[in-house]
Amino acid sequence: MIHQPASISPTAQIGAEVTVWRFTTICDGARIGSGSVIGSGVFIGKECVIGAGVHIQHGQRHETARRHR
């Protein structure tokens, strides 16, 4: 479920059953694993990889291409 307004790059890969809350930005090439929850106001930078089932709290920034599990 994507809550608007959220900004998600067309090259980002969003897994099944992911929740993205409002005011979140997901940049080019980012990957979000299935079942993850991305809080409001989160910034996920270019080519970041977020694993399955990860919960990222509101307002967090992940700017480098790294893996989160």
C-alpha atoms as a PDB file:
ATOM      1  CA  MET A   1       0.000   0.000   0.000  1.00  0.00           C
ATOM      2  CA  ILE A   2       1.398   3.364  -1.033  1.00  0.00           C
ATOM      3  CA  HIS A   3       0.016   6.348   0.892  1.00  0.00           C
ATOM      4  CA  GLN A   4       0.018   9.587  -1.093  1.00  0.00           C
ATOM      5  CA  PRO A   5       1.807  11.842  -1.428  1.00  0.00           C
ATOM      6  CA  ALA A   6       4.902   9.665  -1.742  1.00  0.00           C
ATOM      7  CA  SER A   7       7.630  10.018  -4.354  1.00  0.00           C
ATOM      8  CA  ILE A   8       8.822   6.688  -5.736  1.00  0.00           C
ATOM      9  CA  SER A   9      11.209   6.442  -8.675  1.00  0.00           C
ATOM     10  CA  PRO A  10       9.962   4.335 -11.583  1.00  0.00           C
ATOM     11  CA  THR A  11      13.252   2.383 -11.386  1.00  0.00           C
ATOM     12  CA  ALA A  12      12.773   1.459  -7.720  1.00  0.00           C
ATOM     13  CA  GLN A  13      11.718  -2.127  -7.011  1.00  0.00           C
ATOM     14  CA  ILE A  14       9.004  -2.483  -4.383  1.00  0.00           C
ATOM     15  CA  GLY A  15       8.248  -5.988  -3.088  1.00  0.00           C
ATOM     16  CA  ALA A  16       4.865  -7.522  -2.342  1.00  0.00           C
ATOM     17  CA  GLU A  17       2.872  -6.320   0.664  1.00  0.00           C
ATOM     18  CA  VAL A  18       5.116  -3.284   1.291  1.00  0.00           C
ATOM     19  CA  THR A  19       3.606  -0.279   3.050  1.00  0.00           C
ATOM     20  CA  VAL A  20       5.006   3.160   2.191  1.00  0.00           C
ATOM     21  CA  TRP A  21       3.643   6.030   4.275  1.00  0.00           C
ATOM     22  CA  ARG A  22       3.118   9.599   3.078  1.00  0.00           C
ATOM     23  CA  PHE A  23       5.902  12.089   2.333  1.00  0.00           C
ATOM     24  CA  THR A  24       8.430   9.302   1.705  1.00  0.00           C
ATOM     25  CA  THR A  25      10.999   9.480  -1.105  1.00  0.00           C
ATOM     26  CA  ILE A  26      12.429   6.326  -2.704  1.00  0.00           C
ATOM     27  CA  CYS A  27      15.168   7.076  -5.256  1.00  0.00           C
ATOM     28  CA  ASP A  28      16.406   5.439  -8.468  1.00  0.00           C
ATOM     29  CA  GLY A  29      17.384   1.787  -8.251  1.00  0.00           C
ATOM     30  CA  ALA A  30      16.375   1.326  -4.603  1.00  0.00           C
ATOM     31  CA  ARG A  31      14.958  -2.086  -3.669  1.00  0.00           C
ATOM     32  CA  ILE A  32      12.473  -2.687  -0.879  1.00  0.00           C
ATOM     33  CA  GLY A  33      11.925  -6.298   0.237  1.00  0.00           C
ATOM     34  CA  SER A  34       8.478  -7.821   0.660  1.00  0.00           C
ATOM     35  CA  GLY A  35       6.519  -7.126   3.813  1.00  0.00           C
ATOM     36  CA  SER A  36       8.556  -4.041   4.747  1.00  0.00           C
ATOM     37  CA  VAL A  37       7.030  -0.926   6.290  1.00  0.00           C
ATOM     38  CA  ILE A  38       8.520   2.460   5.392  1.00  0.00           C
ATOM     39  CA  GLY A  39       7.363   5.219   7.761  1.00  0.00           C
ATOM     40  CA  SER A  40       6.327   8.729   6.757  1.00  0.00           C
ATOM     41  CA  GLY A  41       8.967  11.246   5.752  1.00  0.00           C
ATOM     42  CA  VAL A  42      11.619   8.569   5.096  1.00  0.00           C
ATOM     43  CA  PHE A  43      14.299   9.157   2.448  1.00  0.00           C
ATOM     44  CA  ILE A  44      15.781   6.063   0.767  1.00  0.00           C
ATOM     45  CA  GLY A  45      18.674   7.008  -1.479  1.00  0.00           C
ATOM     46  CA  LYS A  46      19.823   5.788  -4.854  1.00  0.00           C
ATOM     47  CA  GLU A  47      20.416   2.008  -5.045  1.00  0.00           C
ATOM     48  CA  CYS A  48      19.786   1.329  -1.331  1.00  0.00           C
ATOM     49  CA  VAL A  49      18.640  -2.204  -0.606  1.00  0.00           C
ATOM     50  CA  ILE A  50      16.119  -2.763   2.183  1.00  0.00           C
ATOM     51  CA  GLY A  51      15.570  -6.422   3.069  1.00  0.00           C
ATOM     52  CA  ALA A  52      12.282  -8.256   3.563  1.00  0.00           C
ATOM     53  CA  GLY A  53      10.262  -7.514   6.681  1.00  0.00           C
ATOM     54  CA  VAL A  54      12.211  -4.386   7.653  1.00  0.00           C
ATOM     55  CA  HIS A  55      10.430  -1.552   9.486  1.00  0.00           C
ATOM     56  CA  ILE A  56      11.956   1.912   9.053  1.00  0.00           C
ATOM     57  CA  GLN A  57      10.629   4.485  11.500  1.00  0.00           C
ATOM     58  CA  HIS A  58       9.329   7.906  10.494  1.00  0.00           C
ATOM     59  CA  GLY A  59      11.812  10.535   9.323  1.00  0.00           C
ATOM     60  CA  GLN A  60      14.850   8.271   8.793  1.00  0.00           C
ATOM     61  CA  ARG A  61      17.394   8.876   6.011  1.00  0.00           C
ATOM     62  CA  HIS A  62      19.229   6.091   4.182  1.00  0.00           C
ATOM     63  CA  GLU A  63      21.355   7.849   1.618  1.00  0.00           C
ATOM     64  CA  THR A  64      24.087   5.422   0.631  1.00  0.00           C
ATOM     65  CA  ALA A  65      23.859   2.233  -1.380  1.00  0.00           C
ATOM     66  CA  ARG A  66      23.930  -0.260   1.491  1.00  0.00           C
ATOM     67  CA  ARG A  67      21.880  -3.194   2.660  1.00  0.00           C
ATOM     68  CA  HIS A  68      19.485  -3.100   5.605  1.00  0.00           C
ATOM     69  CA  ARG A  69      18.154  -6.388   6.989  1.00  0.00           C
END
